[in-house]
Amino acid sequence: MSNTIIRSNKRENPYVMVDKCGLKDENLSWKAKGLLVYLLSMPDDWHVFVADLAKRAKDGRDAVYSGLKELEQAGYLENKIIRDERGSIQRWEKIINEQPILLDTE
């Protein structure tokens, strides 16, 4: 018995810690809140395409787009332009924030 190995069979941490700000925001729909928490639950280096999001739930593409639009209007989602060394647009990235970024509209 002295060379018996005991191992723990654990799953990856199933819990998520997110800022409650978005969940308490009464200006967001439940759809937008769910989408926000789902996106915030992913690793920092995780990349997703909107088409992939639509496949992960039964709501469909239009619901995903409207939820993302709602998050953008409330300041939780920002669009970032990625340019190459010549200044040409290479791609767009959407950045999800735990708290809204209030943009100066003036």
PDB file of N, CA and C in Angstrom:
ATOM      1  N   MET A   1       0.822  -1.202   0.000  1.00  0.00           N
ATOM      2  CA  MET A   1       0.000   0.000   0.000  1.00  0.00           C
ATOM      3  C   MET A   1       0.862   1.260   0.000  1.00  0.00           C
ATOM      4  N   SER A   2       2.121   1.174   0.267  1.00  0.00           N
ATOM      5  CA  SER A   2       2.976   2.351   0.353  1.00  0.00           C
ATOM      6  C   SER A   2       3.183   3.037  -0.984  1.00  0.00           C
ATOM      7  N   ASN A   3       3.005   2.347  -2.108  1.00  0.00           N
ATOM      8  CA  ASN A   3       3.142   3.003  -3.405  1.00  0.00           C
ATOM      9  C   ASN A   3       1.797   3.230  -4.082  1.00  0.00           C
ATOM     10  N   THR A   4       0.753   3.339  -3.297  1.00  0.00           N
ATOM     11  CA  THR A   4      -0.569   3.659  -3.820  1.00  0.00           C
ATOM     12  C   THR A   4      -0.664   5.162  -4.068  1.00  0.00           C
ATOM     13  N   ILE A   5      -1.180   5.524  -5.213  1.00  0.00           N
ATOM     14  CA  ILE A   5      -1.357   6.941  -5.557  1.00  0.00           C
ATOM     15  C   ILE A   5      -2.832   7.274  -5.414  1.00  0.00           C
ATOM     16  N   ILE A   6      -3.122   8.334  -4.706  1.00  0.00           N
ATOM     17  CA  ILE A   6      -4.499   8.797  -4.549  1.00  0.00           C
ATOM     18  C   ILE A   6      -4.624  10.100  -5.315  1.00  0.00           C
ATOM     19  N   ARG A   7      -5.563  10.143  -6.208  1.00  0.00           N
ATOM     20  CA  ARG A   7      -5.769  11.356  -7.019  1.00  0.00           C
ATOM     21  C   ARG A   7      -7.173  11.890  -6.780  1.00  0.00           C
ATOM     22  N   SER A   8      -7.278  13.144  -6.945  1.00  0.00           N
ATOM     23  CA  SER A   8      -8.576  13.798  -6.841  1.00  0.00           C
ATOM     24  C   SER A   8      -9.149  13.943  -8.243  1.00  0.00           C
ATOM     25  N   ASN A   9     -10.383  13.612  -8.408  1.00  0.00           N
ATOM     26  CA  ASN A   9     -11.050  13.761  -9.703  1.00  0.00           C
ATOM     27  C   ASN A   9     -11.932  14.997  -9.624  1.00  0.00           C
ATOM     28  N   LYS A  10     -11.352  16.154  -9.965  1.00  0.00           N
ATOM     29  CA  LYS A  10     -12.081  17.415  -9.860  1.00  0.00           C
ATOM     30  C   LYS A  10     -12.353  17.971 -11.249  1.00  0.00           C
ATOM     31  N   ARG A  11     -13.464  18.613 -11.368  1.00  0.00           N
ATOM     32  CA  ARG A  11     -13.755  19.314 -12.616  1.00  0.00           C
ATOM     33  C   ARG A  11     -13.187  20.722 -12.528  1.00  0.00           C
ATOM     34  N   GLU A  12     -13.104  21.376 -13.671  1.00  0.00           N
ATOM     35  CA  GLU A  12     -12.632  22.753 -13.701  1.00  0.00           C
ATOM     36  C   GLU A  12     -13.596  23.620 -12.888  1.00  0.00           C
ATOM     37  N   ASN A  13     -13.098  24.707 -12.331  1.00  0.00           N
ATOM     38  CA  ASN A  13     -13.930  25.587 -11.511  1.00  0.00           C
ATOM     39  C   ASN A  13     -15.211  25.969 -12.263  1.00  0.00           C
ATOM     40  N   PRO A  14     -16.368  25.548 -11.757  1.00  0.00           N
ATOM     41  CA  PRO A  14     -17.622  25.817 -12.461  1.00  0.00           C
ATOM     42  C   PRO A  14     -18.255  27.163 -12.109  1.00  0.00           C
ATOM     43  N   TYR A  15     -17.607  27.951 -11.280  1.00  0.00           N
ATOM     44  CA  TYR A  15     -18.211  29.190 -10.805  1.00  0.00           C
ATOM     45  C   TYR A  15     -17.677  30.401 -11.556  1.00  0.00           C
ATOM     46  N   VAL A  16     -18.517  31.428 -11.594  1.00  0.00           N
ATOM     47  CA  VAL A  16     -18.165  32.668 -12.273  1.00  0.00           C
ATOM     48  C   VAL A  16     -18.334  33.804 -11.276  1.00  0.00           C
ATOM     49  N   MET A  17     -17.396  34.734 -11.283  1.00  0.00           N
ATOM     50  CA  MET A  17     -17.527  35.921 -10.453  1.00  0.00           C
ATOM     51  C   MET A  17     -17.634  37.122 -11.383  1.00  0.00           C
ATOM     52  N   VAL A  18     -18.760  37.816 -11.299  1.00  0.00           N
ATOM     53  CA  VAL A  18     -18.959  39.002 -12.132  1.00  0.00           C
ATOM     54  C   VAL A  18     -19.446  40.154 -11.263  1.00  0.00           C
ATOM     55  N   ASP A  19     -19.197  41.339 -11.733  1.00  0.00           N
ATOM     56  CA  ASP A  19     -19.688  42.540 -11.084  1.00  0.00           C
ATOM     57  C   ASP A  19     -21.218  42.544 -11.184  1.00  0.00           C
ATOM     58  N   LYS A  20     -21.906  42.872 -10.102  1.00  0.00           N
ATOM     59  CA  LYS A  20     -23.376  42.888 -10.088  1.00  0.00           C
ATOM     60  C   LYS A  20     -23.977  44.097 -10.801  1.00  0.00           C
ATOM     61  N   CYS A  21     -23.154  45.023 -11.203  1.00  0.00           N
ATOM     62  CA  CYS A  21     -23.630  46.272 -11.800  1.00  0.00           C
ATOM     63  C   CYS A  21     -24.619  46.013 -12.941  1.00  0.00           C
ATOM     64  N   GLY A  22     -24.243  45.175 -13.886  1.00  0.00           N
ATOM     65  CA  GLY A  22     -25.110  44.895 -15.031  1.00  0.00           C
ATOM     66  C   GLY A  22     -26.386  44.178 -14.648  1.00  0.00           C
ATOM     67  N   LEU A  23     -26.308  43.298 -13.650  1.00  0.00           N
ATOM     68  CA  LEU A  23     -27.495  42.562 -13.218  1.00  0.00           C
ATOM     69  C   LEU A  23     -28.496  43.465 -12.504  1.00  0.00           C
ATOM     70  N   LYS A  24     -27.999  44.506 -11.877  1.00  0.00           N
ATOM     71  CA  LYS A  24     -28.884  45.436 -11.160  1.00  0.00           C
ATOM     72  C   LYS A  24     -29.336  46.610 -12.023  1.00  0.00           C
ATOM     73  N   ASP A  25     -28.834  46.687 -13.234  1.00  0.00           N
ATOM     74  CA  ASP A  25     -29.167  47.793 -14.132  1.00  0.00           C
ATOM     75  C   ASP A  25     -30.590  47.603 -14.660  1.00  0.00           C
ATOM     76  N   GLU A  26     -31.507  48.423 -14.178  1.00  0.00           N
ATOM     77  CA  GLU A  26     -32.916  48.306 -14.562  1.00  0.00           C
ATOM     78  C   GLU A  26     -33.180  48.760 -15.993  1.00  0.00           C
ATOM     79  N   ASN A  27     -32.183  49.349 -16.636  1.00  0.00           N
ATOM     80  CA  ASN A  27     -32.338  49.769 -18.031  1.00  0.00           C
ATOM     81  C   ASN A  27     -32.031  48.636 -19.009  1.00  0.00           C
ATOM     82  N   LEU A  28     -31.545  47.504 -18.506  1.00  0.00           N
ATOM     83  CA  LEU A  28     -31.240  46.359 -19.357  1.00  0.00           C
ATOM     84  C   LEU A  28     -32.349  45.324 -19.284  1.00  0.00           C
ATOM     85  N   SER A  29     -32.639  44.714 -20.411  1.00  0.00           N
ATOM     86  CA  SER A  29     -33.603  43.602 -20.437  1.00  0.00           C
ATOM     87  C   SER A  29     -32.935  42.359 -19.859  1.00  0.00           C
ATOM     88  N   TRP A  30     -33.750  41.358 -19.547  1.00  0.00           N
ATOM     89  CA  TRP A  30     -33.202  40.096 -19.070  1.00  0.00           C
ATOM     90  C   TRP A  30     -32.346  39.450 -20.155  1.00  0.00           C
ATOM     91  N   LYS A  31     -32.725  39.627 -21.403  1.00  0.00           N
ATOM     92  CA  LYS A  31     -31.938  39.094 -22.515  1.00  0.00           C
ATOM     93  C   LYS A  31     -30.538  39.695 -22.505  1.00  0.00           C
ATOM     94  N   ALA A  32     -30.441  41.007 -22.380  1.00  0.00           N
ATOM     95  CA  ALA A  32     -29.146  41.683 -22.370  1.00  0.00           C
ATOM     96  C   ALA A  32     -28.335  41.293 -21.138  1.00  0.00           C
ATOM     97  N   LYS A  33     -28.998  41.163 -19.987  1.00  0.00           N
ATOM     98  CA  LYS A  33     -28.302  40.765 -18.768  1.00  0.00           C
ATOM     99  C   LYS A  33     -27.722  39.362 -18.905  1.00  0.00           C
ATOM    100  N   GLY A  34     -28.489  38.452 -19.462  1.00  0.00           N
ATOM    101  CA  GLY A  34     -28.006  37.082 -19.665  1.00  0.00           C
ATOM    102  C   GLY A  34     -26.828  37.040 -20.616  1.00  0.00           C
ATOM    103  N   LEU A  35     -26.918  37.776 -21.688  1.00  0.00           N
ATOM    104  CA  LEU A  35     -25.836  37.847 -22.666  1.00  0.00           C
ATOM    105  C   LEU A  35     -24.583  38.461 -22.033  1.00  0.00           C
ATOM    106  N   LEU A  36     -24.769  39.508 -21.245  1.00  0.00           N
ATOM    107  CA  LEU A  36     -23.652  40.162 -20.562  1.00  0.00           C
ATOM    108  C   LEU A  36     -22.931  39.173 -19.647  1.00  0.00           C
ATOM    109  N   VAL A  37     -23.669  38.474 -18.810  1.00  0.00           N
ATOM    110  CA  VAL A  37     -23.057  37.540 -17.868  1.00  0.00           C
ATOM    111  C   VAL A  37     -22.393  36.385 -18.616  1.00  0.00           C
ATOM    112  N   TYR A  38     -23.026  35.890 -19.674  1.00  0.00           N
ATOM    113  CA  TYR A  38     -22.416  34.813 -20.464  1.00  0.00           C
ATOM    114  C   TYR A  38     -21.075  35.270 -21.030  1.00  0.00           C
ATOM    115  N   LEU A  39     -21.052  36.447 -21.617  1.00  0.00           N
ATOM    116  CA  LEU A  39     -19.815  36.950 -22.226  1.00  0.00           C
ATOM    117  C   LEU A  39     -18.740  37.226 -21.170  1.00  0.00           C
ATOM    118  N   LEU A  40     -19.135  37.758 -20.019  1.00  0.00           N
ATOM    119  CA  LEU A  40     -18.171  38.025 -18.953  1.00  0.00           C
ATOM    120  C   LEU A  40     -17.644  36.745 -18.308  1.00  0.00           C
ATOM    121  N   SER A  41     -18.371  35.650 -18.465  1.00  0.00           N
ATOM    122  CA  SER A  41     -17.945  34.388 -17.858  1.00  0.00           C
ATOM    123  C   SER A  41     -16.835  33.704 -18.651  1.00  0.00           C
ATOM    124  N   MET A  42     -16.564  34.178 -19.850  1.00  0.00           N
ATOM    125  CA  MET A  42     -15.552  33.560 -20.699  1.00  0.00           C
ATOM    126  C   MET A  42     -14.152  34.055 -20.325  1.00  0.00           C
ATOM    127  N   PRO A  43     -13.123  33.269 -20.639  1.00  0.00           N
ATOM    128  CA  PRO A  43     -11.749  33.710 -20.347  1.00  0.00           C
ATOM    129  C   PRO A  43     -11.414  35.004 -21.077  1.00  0.00           C
ATOM    130  N   ASP A  44     -10.445  35.751 -20.547  1.00  0.00           N
ATOM    131  CA  ASP A  44     -10.060  37.039 -21.127  1.00  0.00           C
ATOM    132  C   ASP A  44      -9.600  36.931 -22.569  1.00  0.00           C
ATOM    133  N   ASP A  45      -8.966  35.827 -22.921  1.00  0.00           N
ATOM    134  CA  ASP A  45      -8.444  35.678 -24.275  1.00  0.00           C
ATOM    135  C   ASP A  45      -9.421  34.990 -25.228  1.00  0.00           C
ATOM    136  N   TRP A  46     -10.655  34.829 -24.796  1.00  0.00           N
ATOM    137  CA  TRP A  46     -11.664  34.131 -25.575  1.00  0.00           C
ATOM    138  C   TRP A  46     -12.173  35.026 -26.693  1.00  0.00           C
ATOM    139  N   HIS A  47     -12.339  34.456 -27.874  1.00  0.00           N
ATOM    140  CA  HIS A  47     -12.882  35.184 -29.018  1.00  0.00           C
ATOM    141  C   HIS A  47     -14.148  34.479 -29.477  1.00  0.00           C
ATOM    142  N   VAL A  48     -15.136  35.240 -29.839  1.00  0.00           N
ATOM    143  CA  VAL A  48     -16.400  34.664 -30.296  1.00  0.00           C
ATOM    144  C   VAL A  48     -16.912  35.465 -31.476  1.00  0.00           C
ATOM    145  N   PHE A  49     -17.655  34.795 -32.304  1.00  0.00           N
ATOM    146  CA  PHE A  49     -18.318  35.448 -33.423  1.00  0.00           C
ATOM    147  C   PHE A  49     -19.809  35.454 -33.113  1.00  0.00           C
ATOM    148  N   VAL A  50     -20.486  36.488 -33.575  1.00  0.00           N
ATOM    149  CA  VAL A  50     -21.922  36.618 -33.296  1.00  0.00           C
ATOM    150  C   VAL A  50     -22.670  35.384 -33.796  1.00  0.00           C
ATOM    151  N   ALA A  51     -22.287  34.870 -34.947  1.00  0.00           N
ATOM    152  CA  ALA A  51     -22.940  33.671 -35.490  1.00  0.00           C
ATOM    153  C   ALA A  51     -22.790  32.492 -34.528  1.00  0.00           C
ATOM    154  N   ASP A  52     -21.645  32.395 -33.865  1.00  0.00           N
ATOM    155  CA  ASP A  52     -21.431  31.327 -32.894  1.00  0.00           C
ATOM    156  C   ASP A  52     -22.321  31.527 -31.669  1.00  0.00           C
ATOM    157  N   LEU A  53     -22.462  32.766 -31.222  1.00  0.00           N
ATOM    158  CA  LEU A  53     -23.356  33.046 -30.086  1.00  0.00           C
ATOM    159  C   LEU A  53     -24.778  32.604 -30.398  1.00  0.00           C
ATOM    160  N   ALA A  54     -25.220  32.870 -31.603  1.00  0.00           N
ATOM    161  CA  ALA A  54     -26.590  32.514 -31.997  1.00  0.00           C
ATOM    162  C   ALA A  54     -26.802  31.001 -31.962  1.00  0.00           C
ATOM    163  N   LYS A  55     -25.763  30.241 -32.192  1.00  0.00           N
ATOM    164  CA  LYS A  55     -25.868  28.774 -32.172  1.00  0.00           C
ATOM    165  C   LYS A  55     -25.916  28.211 -30.764  1.00  0.00           C
ATOM    166  N   ARG A  56     -25.505  28.976 -29.773  1.00  0.00           N
ATOM    167  CA  ARG A  56     -25.374  28.471 -28.407  1.00  0.00           C
ATOM    168  C   ARG A  56     -26.650  28.600 -27.571  1.00  0.00           C
ATOM    169  N   ALA A  57     -27.696  29.168 -28.136  1.00  0.00           N
ATOM    170  CA  ALA A  57     -28.973  29.276 -27.435  1.00  0.00           C
ATOM    171  C   ALA A  57     -30.096  29.281 -28.464  1.00  0.00           C
ATOM    172  N   LYS A  58     -31.304  29.102 -28.015  1.00  0.00           N
ATOM    173  CA  LYS A  58     -32.423  28.978 -28.950  1.00  0.00           C
ATOM    174  C   LYS A  58     -33.016  30.313 -29.387  1.00  0.00           C
ATOM    175  N   ASP A  59     -32.515  31.422 -28.853  1.00  0.00           N
ATOM    176  CA  ASP A  59     -33.085  32.733 -29.157  1.00  0.00           C
ATOM    177  C   ASP A  59     -32.923  33.147 -30.614  1.00  0.00           C
ATOM    178  N   GLY A  60     -31.807  32.767 -31.229  1.00  0.00           N
ATOM    179  CA  GLY A  60     -31.591  33.098 -32.628  1.00  0.00           C
ATOM    180  C   GLY A  60     -30.726  34.323 -32.834  1.00  0.00           C
ATOM    181  N   ARG A  61     -30.342  34.509 -34.086  1.00  0.00           N
ATOM    182  CA  ARG A  61     -29.417  35.579 -34.474  1.00  0.00           C
ATOM    183  C   ARG A  61     -29.954  36.964 -34.160  1.00  0.00           C
ATOM    184  N   ASP A  62     -31.206  37.230 -34.486  1.00  0.00           N
ATOM    185  CA  ASP A  62     -31.768  38.567 -34.267  1.00  0.00           C
ATOM    186  C   ASP A  62     -31.788  38.944 -32.788  1.00  0.00           C
ATOM    187  N   ALA A  63     -32.072  37.965 -31.928  1.00  0.00           N
ATOM    188  CA  ALA A  63     -32.074  38.233 -30.490  1.00  0.00           C
ATOM    189  C   ALA A  63     -30.668  38.563 -29.999  1.00  0.00           C
ATOM    190  N   VAL A  64     -29.672  37.858 -30.524  1.00  0.00           N
ATOM    191  CA  VAL A  64     -28.288  38.135 -30.137  1.00  0.00           C
ATOM    192  C   VAL A  64     -27.902  39.541 -30.572  1.00  0.00           C
ATOM    193  N   TYR A  65     -28.213  39.877 -31.820  1.00  0.00           N
ATOM    194  CA  TYR A  65     -27.882  41.222 -32.313  1.00  0.00           C
ATOM    195  C   TYR A  65     -28.594  42.305 -31.501  1.00  0.00           C
ATOM    196  N   SER A  66     -29.862  42.101 -31.176  1.00  0.00           N
ATOM    197  CA  SER A  66     -30.571  43.135 -30.417  1.00  0.00           C
ATOM    198  C   SER A  66     -30.048  43.222 -28.986  1.00  0.00           C
ATOM    199  N   GLY A  67     -29.656  42.086 -28.396  1.00  0.00           N
ATOM    200  CA  GLY A  67     -29.057  42.110 -27.061  1.00  0.00           C
ATOM    201  C   GLY A  67     -27.722  42.831 -27.056  1.00  0.00           C
ATOM    202  N   LEU A  68     -26.901  42.584 -28.077  1.00  0.00           N
ATOM    203  CA  LEU A  68     -25.618  43.276 -28.184  1.00  0.00           C
ATOM    204  C   LEU A  68     -25.814  44.778 -28.410  1.00  0.00           C
ATOM    205  N   LYS A  69     -26.808  45.125 -29.216  1.00  0.00           N
ATOM    206  CA  LYS A  69     -27.094  46.537 -29.466  1.00  0.00           C
ATOM    207  C   LYS A  69     -27.525  47.229 -28.172  1.00  0.00           C
ATOM    208  N   GLU A  70     -28.339  46.534 -27.394  1.00  0.00           N
ATOM    209  CA  GLU A  70     -28.788  47.083 -26.114  1.00  0.00           C
ATOM    210  C   GLU A  70     -27.600  47.291 -25.167  1.00  0.00           C
ATOM    211  N   LEU A  71     -26.681  46.324 -25.129  1.00  0.00           N
ATOM    212  CA  LEU A  71     -25.495  46.459 -24.288  1.00  0.00           C
ATOM    213  C   LEU A  71     -24.607  47.612 -24.757  1.00  0.00           C
ATOM    214  N   GLU A  72     -24.532  47.795 -26.068  1.00  0.00           N
ATOM    215  CA  GLU A  72     -23.745  48.899 -26.605  1.00  0.00           C
ATOM    216  C   GLU A  72     -24.366  50.245 -26.233  1.00  0.00           C
ATOM    217  N   GLN A  73     -25.669  50.359 -26.384  1.00  0.00           N
ATOM    218  CA  GLN A  73     -26.346  51.619 -26.066  1.00  0.00           C
ATOM    219  C   GLN A  73     -26.248  51.954 -24.579  1.00  0.00           C
ATOM    220  N   ALA A  74     -26.172  50.916 -23.731  1.00  0.00           N
ATOM    221  CA  ALA A  74     -26.071  51.139 -22.290  1.00  0.00           C
ATOM    222  C   ALA A  74     -24.621  51.327 -21.840  1.00  0.00           C
ATOM    223  N   GLY A  75     -23.651  51.162 -22.740  1.00  0.00           N
ATOM    224  CA  GLY A  75     -22.257  51.393 -22.417  1.00  0.00           C
ATOM    225  C   GLY A  75     -21.466  50.175 -21.973  1.00  0.00           C
ATOM    226  N   TYR A  76     -22.071  48.991 -21.990  1.00  0.00           N
ATOM    227  CA  TYR A  76     -21.363  47.781 -21.574  1.00  0.00           C
ATOM    228  C   TYR A  76     -20.533  47.178 -22.708  1.00  0.00           C
ATOM    229  N   LEU A  77     -20.838  47.522 -23.922  1.00  0.00           N
ATOM    230  CA  LEU A  77     -20.123  46.992 -25.076  1.00  0.00           C
ATOM    231  C   LEU A  77     -19.560  48.159 -25.868  1.00  0.00           C
ATOM    232  N   GLU A  78     -18.299  48.059 -26.219  1.00  0.00           N
ATOM    233  CA  GLU A  78     -17.702  49.101 -27.052  1.00  0.00           C
ATOM    234  C   GLU A  78     -17.079  48.460 -28.283  1.00  0.00           C
ATOM    235  N   ASN A  79     -17.173  49.150 -29.387  1.00  0.00           N
ATOM    236  CA  ASN A  79     -16.576  48.688 -30.631  1.00  0.00           C
ATOM    237  C   ASN A  79     -15.205  49.322 -30.770  1.00  0.00           C
ATOM    238  N   LYS A  80     -14.228  48.496 -31.077  1.00  0.00           N
ATOM    239  CA  LYS A  80     -12.854  48.969 -31.199  1.00  0.00           C
ATOM    240  C   LYS A  80     -12.357  48.638 -32.602  1.00  0.00           C
ATOM    241  N   ILE A  81     -11.784  49.631 -33.262  1.00  0.00           N
ATOM    242  CA  ILE A  81     -11.224  49.437 -34.595  1.00  0.00           C
ATOM    243  C   ILE A  81      -9.766  49.007 -34.443  1.00  0.00           C
ATOM    244  N   ILE A  82      -9.410  47.928 -35.098  1.00  0.00           N
ATOM    245  CA  ILE A  82      -8.024  47.460 -35.116  1.00  0.00           C
ATOM    246  C   ILE A  82      -7.452  47.810 -36.484  1.00  0.00           C
ATOM    247  N   ARG A  83      -6.385  48.603 -36.472  1.00  0.00           N
ATOM    248  CA  ARG A  83      -5.762  49.061 -37.722  1.00  0.00           C
ATOM    249  C   ARG A  83      -4.385  48.420 -37.905  1.00  0.00           C
ATOM    250  N   ASP A  84      -3.982  48.292 -39.145  1.00  0.00           N
ATOM    251  CA  ASP A  84      -2.634  47.801 -39.436  1.00  0.00           C
ATOM    252  C   ASP A  84      -1.645  48.961 -39.366  1.00  0.00           C
ATOM    253  N   GLU A  85      -0.389  48.694 -39.673  1.00  0.00           N
ATOM    254  CA  GLU A  85       0.648  49.729 -39.557  1.00  0.00           C
ATOM    255  C   GLU A  85       0.457  50.897 -40.519  1.00  0.00           C
ATOM    256  N   ARG A  86      -0.323  50.697 -41.595  1.00  0.00           N
ATOM    257  CA  ARG A  86      -0.597  51.791 -42.542  1.00  0.00           C
ATOM    258  C   ARG A  86      -1.843  52.593 -42.160  1.00  0.00           C
ATOM    259  N   GLY A  87      -2.531  52.148 -41.124  1.00  0.00           N
ATOM    260  CA  GLY A  87      -3.730  52.849 -40.689  1.00  0.00           C
ATOM    261  C   GLY A  87      -5.013  52.313 -41.293  1.00  0.00           C
ATOM    262  N   SER A  88      -4.915  51.272 -42.100  1.00  0.00           N
ATOM    263  CA  SER A  88      -6.114  50.673 -42.700  1.00  0.00           C
ATOM    264  C   SER A  88      -6.831  49.812 -41.666  1.00  0.00           C
ATOM    265  N   ILE A  89      -8.140  49.805 -41.743  1.00  0.00           N
ATOM    266  CA  ILE A  89      -8.919  48.991 -40.814  1.00  0.00           C
ATOM    267  C   ILE A  89      -8.663  47.519 -41.110  1.00  0.00           C
ATOM    268  N   GLN A  90      -8.220  46.807 -40.092  1.00  0.00           N
ATOM    269  CA  GLN A  90      -7.960  45.387 -40.214  1.00  0.00           C
ATOM    270  C   GLN A  90      -9.182  44.573 -39.797  1.00  0.00           C
ATOM    271  N   ARG A  91      -9.804  44.992 -38.682  1.00  0.00           N
ATOM    272  CA  ARG A  91     -11.010  44.318 -38.185  1.00  0.00           C
ATOM    273  C   ARG A  91     -11.632  45.175 -37.083  1.00  0.00           C
ATOM    274  N   TRP A  92     -12.820  44.780 -36.669  1.00  0.00           N
ATOM    275  CA  TRP A  92     -13.515  45.404 -35.549  1.00  0.00           C
ATOM    276  C   TRP A  92     -13.530  44.401 -34.406  1.00  0.00           C
ATOM    277  N   GLU A  93     -13.366  44.884 -33.191  1.00  0.00           N
ATOM    278  CA  GLU A  93     -13.514  44.045 -32.012  1.00  0.00           C
ATOM    279  C   GLU A  93     -14.577  44.655 -31.118  1.00  0.00           C
ATOM    280  N   LYS A  94     -15.340  43.793 -30.490  1.00  0.00           N
ATOM    281  CA  LYS A  94     -16.327  44.229 -29.508  1.00  0.00           C
ATOM    282  C   LYS A  94     -15.765  43.883 -28.137  1.00  0.00           C
ATOM    283  N   ILE A  95     -15.713  44.869 -27.262  1.00  0.00           N
ATOM    284  CA  ILE A  95     -15.168  44.686 -25.918  1.00  0.00           C
ATOM    285  C   ILE A  95     -16.326  44.782 -24.924  1.00  0.00           C
ATOM    286  N   ILE A  96     -16.464  43.764 -24.079  1.00  0.00           N
ATOM    287  CA  ILE A  96     -17.506  43.743 -23.059  1.00  0.00           C
ATOM    288  C   ILE A  96     -16.910  44.222 -21.743  1.00  0.00           C
ATOM    289  N   ASN A  97     -17.585  45.137 -21.084  1.00  0.00           N
ATOM    290  CA  ASN A  97     -17.134  45.697 -19.809  1.00  0.00           C
ATOM    291  C   ASN A  97     -18.106  45.324 -18.699  1.00  0.00           C
ATOM    292  N   GLU A  98     -17.571  45.119 -17.490  1.00  0.00           N
ATOM    293  CA  GLU A  98     -18.416  44.789 -16.348  1.00  0.00           C
ATOM    294  C   GLU A  98     -19.281  45.971 -15.918  1.00  0.00           C
ATOM    295  N   GLN A  99     -18.771  47.169 -16.101  1.00  0.00           N
ATOM    296  CA  GLN A  99     -19.516  48.379 -15.779  1.00  0.00           C
ATOM    297  C   GLN A  99     -19.604  49.216 -17.028  1.00  0.00           C
ATOM    298  N   PRO A 100     -20.677  49.979 -17.176  1.00  0.00           N
ATOM    299  CA  PRO A 100     -20.830  50.773 -18.412  1.00  0.00           C
ATOM    300  C   PRO A 100     -19.772  51.854 -18.540  1.00  0.00           C
ATOM    301  N   ILE A 101     -19.324  52.037 -19.753  1.00  0.00           N
ATOM    302  CA  ILE A 101     -18.417  53.122 -20.107  1.00  0.00           C
ATOM    303  C   ILE A 101     -19.297  54.242 -20.627  1.00  0.00           C
ATOM    304  N   LEU A 102     -19.339  55.337 -19.935  1.00  0.00           N
ATOM    305  CA  LEU A 102     -20.180  56.458 -20.344  1.00  0.00           C
ATOM    306  C   LEU A 102     -19.396  57.324 -21.318  1.00  0.00           C
ATOM    307  N   LEU A 103     -19.862  57.368 -22.526  1.00  0.00           N
ATOM    308  CA  LEU A 103     -19.186  58.146 -23.564  1.00  0.00           C
ATOM    309  C   LEU A 103     -19.711  59.560 -23.592  1.00  0.00           C
ATOM    310  N   ASP A 104     -18.826  60.498 -23.822  1.00  0.00           N
ATOM    311  CA  ASP A 104     -19.197  61.898 -23.950  1.00  0.00           C
ATOM    312  C   ASP A 104     -19.774  62.103 -25.351  1.00  0.00           C
ATOM    313  N   THR A 105     -21.044  62.438 -25.434  1.00  0.00           N
ATOM    314  CA  THR A 105     -21.720  62.562 -26.734  1.00  0.00           C
ATOM    315  C   THR A 105     -21.655  63.969 -27.308  1.00  0.00           C
ATOM    316  N   GLU A 106     -20.957  64.874 -26.657  1.00  0.00           N
ATOM    317  CA  GLU A 106     -20.871  66.255 -27.134  1.00  0.00           C
ATOM    318  C   GLU A 106     -19.717  66.410 -28.098  1.00  0.00           C
TER     319      GLU A 106
END
